């Protein structure tokens, strides 16, 4: 059973990316936080949403959980009412194995701070950001591509830098070495694009124009 479910979970993460990983990770954390004794199940949709809110991550986990039950067979419903729904994890060893495999740290025990930073990191979909920047390097950018670059610069990059700074200041830089390298690669590639193509001046100029336009109105 385990091998089949593990293969399906790899496909699940490949399809849903960071959201897929986060959903699996939080399901596992919820299950391990349940006290021994009478319980409705290993986790509830309410519990998953509560953990997402705590981490300041916004997305609807329900469709992914349904897929994990109906198509993958990792979980099964144990209780359902008008305002509650609980599931049991059928193969928790397979789930643990896939989460460890995705994190790339085997049996290493992570601190709460490191786990938080890692979840925040993956929620930003850094792989997609890096691929976008690679596709924009060494070329003359269109207006649409400049807008994509601007979005990364003013929305995604500050959050990644914050994660980088917190990882280093909290002493978690060794544990999060892989994540830090990705962030530094993103910064270096972005800097290379805007410096070599002259896009830096255009980004700054366009931002000033928008600010001035707002002030005038």
C-alpha atoms as a PDB file:
ATOM      1  CA  UNK A   1       0.000   0.000   0.000  1.00  0.00           C
ATOM      2  CA  UNK A   2       2.728   2.402   1.046  1.00  0.00           C
ATOM      3  CA  UNK A   3       4.677   2.301  -2.191  1.00  0.00           C
ATOM      4  CA  UNK A   4       1.581   2.959  -4.314  1.00  0.00           C
ATOM      5  CA  UNK A   5       0.426   5.854  -2.142  1.00  0.00           C
ATOM      6  CA  UNK A   6       3.931   7.345  -2.034  1.00  0.00           C
ATOM      7  CA  UNK A   7       4.060   7.328  -5.845  1.00  0.00           C
ATOM      8  CA  UNK A   8       0.662   9.025  -6.007  1.00  0.00           C
ATOM      9  CA  UNK A   9       1.746  11.608  -3.424  1.00  0.00           C
ATOM     10  CA  UNK A  10       4.797  12.483  -5.521  1.00  0.00           C
ATOM     11  CA  UNK A  11       2.469  13.097  -8.455  1.00  0.00           C
ATOM     12  CA  UNK A  12       0.181  15.107  -6.154  1.00  0.00           C
ATOM     13  CA  UNK A  13       3.025  17.445  -5.136  1.00  0.00           C
ATOM     14  CA  UNK A  14       4.223  17.681  -8.740  1.00  0.00           C
ATOM     15  CA  UNK A  15       0.718  18.804  -9.755  1.00  0.00           C
ATOM     16  CA  UNK A  16      -0.068  21.170  -6.882  1.00  0.00           C
ATOM     17  CA  UNK A  17       3.428  22.329  -5.941  1.00  0.00           C
ATOM     18  CA  UNK A  18       3.927  24.163  -2.662  1.00  0.00           C
ATOM     19  CA  UNK A  19       0.235  24.114  -1.766  1.00  0.00           C
ATOM     20  CA  UNK A  20       0.236  20.354  -2.096  1.00  0.00           C
ATOM     21  CA  UNK A  21       3.264  20.055   0.154  1.00  0.00           C
ATOM     22  CA  UNK A  22       1.881  22.478   2.749  1.00  0.00           C
ATOM     23  CA  UNK A  23      -1.434  20.604   2.878  1.00  0.00           C
ATOM     24  CA  UNK A  24       0.344  17.294   3.484  1.00  0.00           C
ATOM     25  CA  UNK A  25       2.661  18.856   6.061  1.00  0.00           C
ATOM     26  CA  UNK A  26      -0.162  20.423   8.049  1.00  0.00           C
ATOM     27  CA  UNK A  27      -2.231  17.223   7.923  1.00  0.00           C
ATOM     28  CA  UNK A  28       0.723  15.387   9.446  1.00  0.00           C
ATOM     29  CA  UNK A  29       1.226  18.060  12.109  1.00  0.00           C
ATOM     30  CA  UNK A  30      -2.472  17.990  13.024  1.00  0.00           C
ATOM     31  CA  UNK A  31      -2.438  14.186  13.300  1.00  0.00           C
ATOM     32  CA  UNK A  32       0.619  14.213  15.562  1.00  0.00           C
ATOM     33  CA  UNK A  33      -0.905  16.889  17.780  1.00  0.00           C
ATOM     34  CA  UNK A  34      -3.995  14.784  18.517  1.00  0.00           C
ATOM     35  CA  UNK A  35      -4.034  13.409  22.053  1.00  0.00           C
ATOM     36  CA  UNK A  36      -4.268   9.674  22.574  1.00  0.00           C
ATOM     37  CA  UNK A  37      -7.790   8.555  23.497  1.00  0.00           C
ATOM     38  CA  UNK A  38     -11.221   9.176  22.089  1.00  0.00           C
ATOM     39  CA  UNK A  39     -11.054  11.399  19.022  1.00  0.00           C
ATOM     40  CA  UNK A  40     -13.088  12.087  15.921  1.00  0.00           C
ATOM     41  CA  UNK A  41     -10.145  11.579  13.579  1.00  0.00           C
ATOM     42  CA  UNK A  42      -6.550  12.569  12.836  1.00  0.00           C
ATOM     43  CA  UNK A  43      -7.388  16.026  11.500  1.00  0.00           C
ATOM     44  CA  UNK A  44     -10.255  18.289  10.496  1.00  0.00           C
ATOM     45  CA  UNK A  45     -10.682  20.868   7.766  1.00  0.00           C
ATOM     46  CA  UNK A  46     -11.123  23.459  10.520  1.00  0.00           C
ATOM     47  CA  UNK A  47      -7.771  22.498  12.040  1.00  0.00           C
ATOM     48  CA  UNK A  48      -5.956  22.797   8.702  1.00  0.00           C
ATOM     49  CA  UNK A  49      -7.497  26.197   8.024  1.00  0.00           C
ATOM     50  CA  UNK A  50      -6.555  27.370  11.515  1.00  0.00           C
ATOM     51  CA  UNK A  51      -2.904  26.403  10.943  1.00  0.00           C
ATOM     52  CA  UNK A  52      -2.888  28.172   7.570  1.00  0.00           C
ATOM     53  CA  UNK A  53      -4.244  31.319   9.214  1.00  0.00           C
ATOM     54  CA  UNK A  54      -1.565  31.155  11.908  1.00  0.00           C
ATOM     55  CA  UNK A  55       1.080  31.000   9.176  1.00  0.00           C
ATOM     56  CA  UNK A  56      -0.538  33.869   7.210  1.00  0.00           C
ATOM     57  CA  UNK A  57      -1.065  31.598   4.203  1.00  0.00           C
ATOM     58  CA  UNK A  58      -4.262  31.933   2.194  1.00  0.00           C
ATOM     59  CA  UNK A  59      -5.714  29.213  -0.037  1.00  0.00           C
ATOM     60  CA  UNK A  60      -8.606  26.758   0.141  1.00  0.00           C
ATOM     61  CA  UNK A  61      -7.265  23.312   1.145  1.00  0.00           C
ATOM     62  CA  UNK A  62     -10.626  21.558   0.697  1.00  0.00           C
ATOM     63  CA  UNK A  63     -10.230  20.526  -2.991  1.00  0.00           C
ATOM     64  CA  UNK A  64      -6.777  19.072  -2.288  1.00  0.00           C
ATOM     65  CA  UNK A  65      -8.059  17.125   0.726  1.00  0.00           C
ATOM     66  CA  UNK A  66     -10.930  15.723  -1.352  1.00  0.00           C
ATOM     67  CA  UNK A  67      -8.445  14.557  -3.977  1.00  0.00           C
ATOM     68  CA  UNK A  68      -6.295  12.907  -1.300  1.00  0.00           C
ATOM     69  CA  UNK A  69      -9.345  10.941  -0.195  1.00  0.00           C
ATOM     70  CA  UNK A  70     -11.192  10.171  -3.423  1.00  0.00           C
ATOM     71  CA  UNK A  71      -8.319   9.662  -5.868  1.00  0.00           C
ATOM     72  CA  UNK A  72      -5.224   8.866  -3.821  1.00  0.00           C
ATOM     73  CA  UNK A  73      -6.695   6.972  -0.876  1.00  0.00           C
ATOM     74  CA  UNK A  74      -4.353   8.518   1.701  1.00  0.00           C
ATOM     75  CA  UNK A  75      -7.218   9.498   4.004  1.00  0.00           C
ATOM     76  CA  UNK A  76     -10.779   8.466   4.815  1.00  0.00           C
ATOM     77  CA  UNK A  77     -13.657  10.334   6.432  1.00  0.00           C
ATOM     78  CA  UNK A  78     -14.299   9.306  10.041  1.00  0.00           C
ATOM     79  CA  UNK A  79     -16.892  11.904  11.055  1.00  0.00           C
ATOM     80  CA  UNK A  80     -19.115  14.359   9.237  1.00  0.00           C
ATOM     81  CA  UNK A  81     -21.796  16.781  10.411  1.00  0.00           C
ATOM     82  CA  UNK A  82     -23.244  20.076   9.230  1.00  0.00           C
ATOM     83  CA  UNK A  83     -20.265  22.048  10.557  1.00  0.00           C
ATOM     84  CA  UNK A  84     -17.491  19.485  11.056  1.00  0.00           C
ATOM     85  CA  UNK A  85     -15.561  16.960   9.031  1.00  0.00           C
ATOM     86  CA  UNK A  86     -12.745  14.716  10.248  1.00  0.00           C
ATOM     87  CA  UNK A  87     -10.414  12.310   8.443  1.00  0.00           C
ATOM     88  CA  UNK A  88      -8.111   9.462   9.402  1.00  0.00           C
ATOM     89  CA  UNK A  89      -4.741   9.084   7.683  1.00  0.00           C
ATOM     90  CA  UNK A  90      -4.721   5.562   6.229  1.00  0.00           C
ATOM     91  CA  UNK A  91      -0.958   5.347   5.694  1.00  0.00           C
ATOM     92  CA  UNK A  92       0.821   7.811   7.970  1.00  0.00           C
ATOM     93  CA  UNK A  93       4.248   6.257   7.244  1.00  0.00           C
ATOM     94  CA  UNK A  94       3.863   7.030   3.547  1.00  0.00           C
ATOM     95  CA  UNK A  95       2.853  10.597   4.409  1.00  0.00           C
ATOM     96  CA  UNK A  96       5.843  11.053   6.732  1.00  0.00           C
ATOM     97  CA  UNK A  97       8.181   9.629   4.101  1.00  0.00           C
ATOM     98  CA  UNK A  98       6.968  11.998   1.375  1.00  0.00           C
ATOM     99  CA  UNK A  99       7.096  15.079   3.623  1.00  0.00           C
ATOM    100  CA  UNK A 100      10.682  14.238   4.653  1.00  0.00           C
ATOM    101  CA  UNK A 101      11.616  13.511   1.050  1.00  0.00           C
ATOM    102  CA  UNK A 102      10.229  16.841  -0.148  1.00  0.00           C
ATOM    103  CA  UNK A 103      11.996  18.743   2.596  1.00  0.00           C
ATOM    104  CA  UNK A 104      15.246  16.959   1.786  1.00  0.00           C
ATOM    105  CA  UNK A 105      16.386  16.640   5.371  1.00  0.00           C
ATOM    106  CA  UNK A 106      15.578  13.024   6.215  1.00  0.00           C
ATOM    107  CA  UNK A 107      15.085  12.534   9.923  1.00  0.00           C
ATOM    108  CA  UNK A 108      16.415  15.959  10.988  1.00  0.00           C
ATOM    109  CA  UNK A 109      14.215  17.490  13.689  1.00  0.00           C
ATOM    110  CA  UNK A 110      13.337  21.080  12.802  1.00  0.00           C
ATOM    111  CA  UNK A 111      12.629  23.852  15.281  1.00  0.00           C
ATOM    112  CA  UNK A 112       9.277  25.611  15.185  1.00  0.00           C
ATOM    113  CA  UNK A 113      10.981  28.697  13.740  1.00  0.00           C
ATOM    114  CA  UNK A 114      12.652  26.726  10.952  1.00  0.00           C
ATOM    115  CA  UNK A 115       9.391  24.971  10.097  1.00  0.00           C
ATOM    116  CA  UNK A 116       7.570  28.304   9.926  1.00  0.00           C
ATOM    117  CA  UNK A 117      10.209  29.894   7.700  1.00  0.00           C
ATOM    118  CA  UNK A 118      10.238  26.863   5.425  1.00  0.00           C
ATOM    119  CA  UNK A 119       6.461  26.866   5.030  1.00  0.00           C
ATOM    120  CA  UNK A 120       6.449  30.609   4.329  1.00  0.00           C
ATOM    121  CA  UNK A 121       9.256  30.083   1.815  1.00  0.00           C
ATOM    122  CA  UNK A 122       7.446  27.363  -0.129  1.00  0.00           C
ATOM    123  CA  UNK A 123       4.121  29.227   0.000  1.00  0.00           C
ATOM    124  CA  UNK A 124       5.724  31.914  -2.214  1.00  0.00           C
ATOM    125  CA  UNK A 125       6.378  29.295  -4.909  1.00  0.00           C
ATOM    126  CA  UNK A 126      10.089  30.223  -5.265  1.00  0.00           C
ATOM    127  CA  UNK A 127      10.654  27.654  -8.000  1.00  0.00           C
ATOM    128  CA  UNK A 128       8.155  29.474 -10.212  1.00  0.00           C
ATOM    129  CA  UNK A 129       9.798  32.839  -9.440  1.00  0.00           C
ATOM    130  CA  UNK A 130      13.222  31.465 -10.337  1.00  0.00           C
ATOM    131  CA  UNK A 131      11.928  29.951 -13.584  1.00  0.00           C
ATOM    132  CA  UNK A 132      10.238  33.245 -14.489  1.00  0.00           C
ATOM    133  CA  UNK A 133      13.442  35.188 -13.930  1.00  0.00           C
ATOM    134  CA  UNK A 134      15.450  32.695 -15.983  1.00  0.00           C
ATOM    135  CA  UNK A 135      12.989  33.106 -18.842  1.00  0.00           C
ATOM    136  CA  UNK A 136      13.387  36.897 -18.674  1.00  0.00           C
ATOM    137  CA  UNK A 137      17.170  36.960 -18.583  1.00  0.00           C
ATOM    138  CA  UNK A 138      19.253  37.970 -21.605  1.00  0.00           C
ATOM    139  CA  UNK A 139      16.333  39.395 -23.567  1.00  0.00           C
ATOM    140  CA  UNK A 140      14.571  42.670 -24.311  1.00  0.00           C
ATOM    141  CA  UNK A 141      11.514  42.757 -22.106  1.00  0.00           C
ATOM    142  CA  UNK A 142       7.994  43.461 -23.309  1.00  0.00           C
ATOM    143  CA  UNK A 143       5.614  45.675 -21.325  1.00  0.00           C
ATOM    144  CA  UNK A 144       3.879  42.566 -19.954  1.00  0.00           C
ATOM    145  CA  UNK A 145       7.197  41.081 -18.873  1.00  0.00           C
ATOM    146  CA  UNK A 146       8.172  44.338 -17.177  1.00  0.00           C
ATOM    147  CA  UNK A 147       4.962  44.170 -15.162  1.00  0.00           C
ATOM    148  CA  UNK A 148       5.794  40.597 -14.104  1.00  0.00           C
ATOM    149  CA  UNK A 149       9.254  41.743 -13.082  1.00  0.00           C
ATOM    150  CA  UNK A 150       7.795  44.653 -11.145  1.00  0.00           C
ATOM    151  CA  UNK A 151       5.382  42.354  -9.297  1.00  0.00           C
ATOM    152  CA  UNK A 152       8.249  40.130  -8.200  1.00  0.00           C
ATOM    153  CA  UNK A 153      10.310  43.148  -7.144  1.00  0.00           C
ATOM    154  CA  UNK A 154       7.652  44.808  -4.997  1.00  0.00           C
ATOM    155  CA  UNK A 155       5.585  41.839  -3.788  1.00  0.00           C
ATOM    156  CA  UNK A 156       7.584  38.602  -3.710  1.00  0.00           C
ATOM    157  CA  UNK A 157      11.182  39.743  -3.257  1.00  0.00           C
ATOM    158  CA  UNK A 158      10.647  41.689   0.012  1.00  0.00           C
ATOM    159  CA  UNK A 159       9.013  38.610   1.562  1.00  0.00           C
ATOM    160  CA  UNK A 160      11.848  36.350   0.432  1.00  0.00           C
ATOM    161  CA  UNK A 161      14.433  38.787   1.801  1.00  0.00           C
ATOM    162  CA  UNK A 162      12.574  38.876   5.117  1.00  0.00           C
ATOM    163  CA  UNK A 163      12.706  35.059   5.297  1.00  0.00           C
ATOM    164  CA  UNK A 164      16.421  35.162   4.441  1.00  0.00           C
ATOM    165  CA  UNK A 165      17.180  37.725   7.149  1.00  0.00           C
ATOM    166  CA  UNK A 166      15.126  35.890   9.782  1.00  0.00           C
ATOM    167  CA  UNK A 167      16.793  32.571   8.933  1.00  0.00           C
ATOM    168  CA  UNK A 168      20.243  34.092   9.426  1.00  0.00           C
ATOM    169  CA  UNK A 169      19.424  36.136  12.521  1.00  0.00           C
ATOM    170  CA  UNK A 170      17.729  33.189  14.252  1.00  0.00           C
ATOM    171  CA  UNK A 171      20.621  30.829  13.557  1.00  0.00           C
ATOM    172  CA  UNK A 172      18.568  28.572  11.283  1.00  0.00           C
ATOM    173  CA  UNK A 173      20.726  29.253   8.215  1.00  0.00           C
ATOM    174  CA  UNK A 174      22.425  25.838   8.324  1.00  0.00           C
ATOM    175  CA  UNK A 175      19.148  23.917   8.463  1.00  0.00           C
ATOM    176  CA  UNK A 176      17.622  26.135   5.766  1.00  0.00           C
ATOM    177  CA  UNK A 177      20.740  26.127   3.598  1.00  0.00           C
ATOM    178  CA  UNK A 178      18.886  24.923   0.501  1.00  0.00           C
ATOM    179  CA  UNK A 179      16.151  27.549   0.841  1.00  0.00           C
ATOM    180  CA  UNK A 180      18.672  30.327   1.476  1.00  0.00           C
ATOM    181  CA  UNK A 181      20.600  29.394  -1.660  1.00  0.00           C
ATOM    182  CA  UNK A 182      17.421  29.624  -3.752  1.00  0.00           C
ATOM    183  CA  UNK A 183      16.629  33.068  -2.330  1.00  0.00           C
ATOM    184  CA  UNK A 184      20.160  34.280  -2.991  1.00  0.00           C
ATOM    185  CA  UNK A 185      19.989  32.871  -6.542  1.00  0.00           C
ATOM    186  CA  UNK A 186      16.724  34.760  -7.093  1.00  0.00           C
ATOM    187  CA  UNK A 187      18.234  38.011  -5.817  1.00  0.00           C
ATOM    188  CA  UNK A 188      21.384  37.613  -7.919  1.00  0.00           C
ATOM    189  CA  UNK A 189      19.437  36.743 -11.074  1.00  0.00           C
ATOM    190  CA  UNK A 190      16.995  39.594 -10.568  1.00  0.00           C
ATOM    191  CA  UNK A 191      19.844  42.037 -10.000  1.00  0.00           C
ATOM    192  CA  UNK A 192      21.559  40.780 -13.134  1.00  0.00           C
ATOM    193  CA  UNK A 193      18.419  41.267 -15.238  1.00  0.00           C
ATOM    194  CA  UNK A 194      17.632  44.802 -14.101  1.00  0.00           C
ATOM    195  CA  UNK A 195      21.293  45.921 -14.185  1.00  0.00           C
ATOM    196  CA  UNK A 196      22.286  44.449 -17.527  1.00  0.00           C
ATOM    197  CA  UNK A 197      19.113  45.452 -19.366  1.00  0.00           C
ATOM    198  CA  UNK A 198      18.633  48.858 -17.785  1.00  0.00           C
ATOM    199  CA  UNK A 199      15.304  47.720 -16.374  1.00  0.00           C
ATOM    200  CA  UNK A 200      16.252  48.957 -12.897  1.00  0.00           C
ATOM    201  CA  UNK A 201      15.962  52.581 -13.942  1.00  0.00           C
ATOM    202  CA  UNK A 202      12.673  51.867 -15.694  1.00  0.00           C
ATOM    203  CA  UNK A 203      11.235  50.087 -12.654  1.00  0.00           C
ATOM    204  CA  UNK A 204      12.196  52.939 -10.339  1.00  0.00           C
ATOM    205  CA  UNK A 205      10.977  55.568 -12.799  1.00  0.00           C
ATOM    206  CA  UNK A 206       7.614  53.861 -13.306  1.00  0.00           C
ATOM    207  CA  UNK A 207       7.120  53.571  -9.555  1.00  0.00           C
ATOM    208  CA  UNK A 208       7.877  57.286  -9.108  1.00  0.00           C
ATOM    209  CA  UNK A 209       5.462  58.166 -11.900  1.00  0.00           C
ATOM    210  CA  UNK A 210       2.695  56.175 -10.218  1.00  0.00           C
ATOM    211  CA  UNK A 211       3.349  57.823  -6.862  1.00  0.00           C
ATOM    212  CA  UNK A 212       3.363  61.296  -8.417  1.00  0.00           C
ATOM    213  CA  UNK A 213       0.159  60.517 -10.306  1.00  0.00           C
ATOM    214  CA  UNK A 214      -1.555  59.465  -7.080  1.00  0.00           C
ATOM    215  CA  UNK A 215      -0.393  62.629  -5.316  1.00  0.00           C
ATOM    216  CA  UNK A 216      -1.662  64.847  -8.134  1.00  0.00           C
ATOM    217  CA  UNK A 217      -5.110  63.315  -7.904  1.00  0.00           C
END
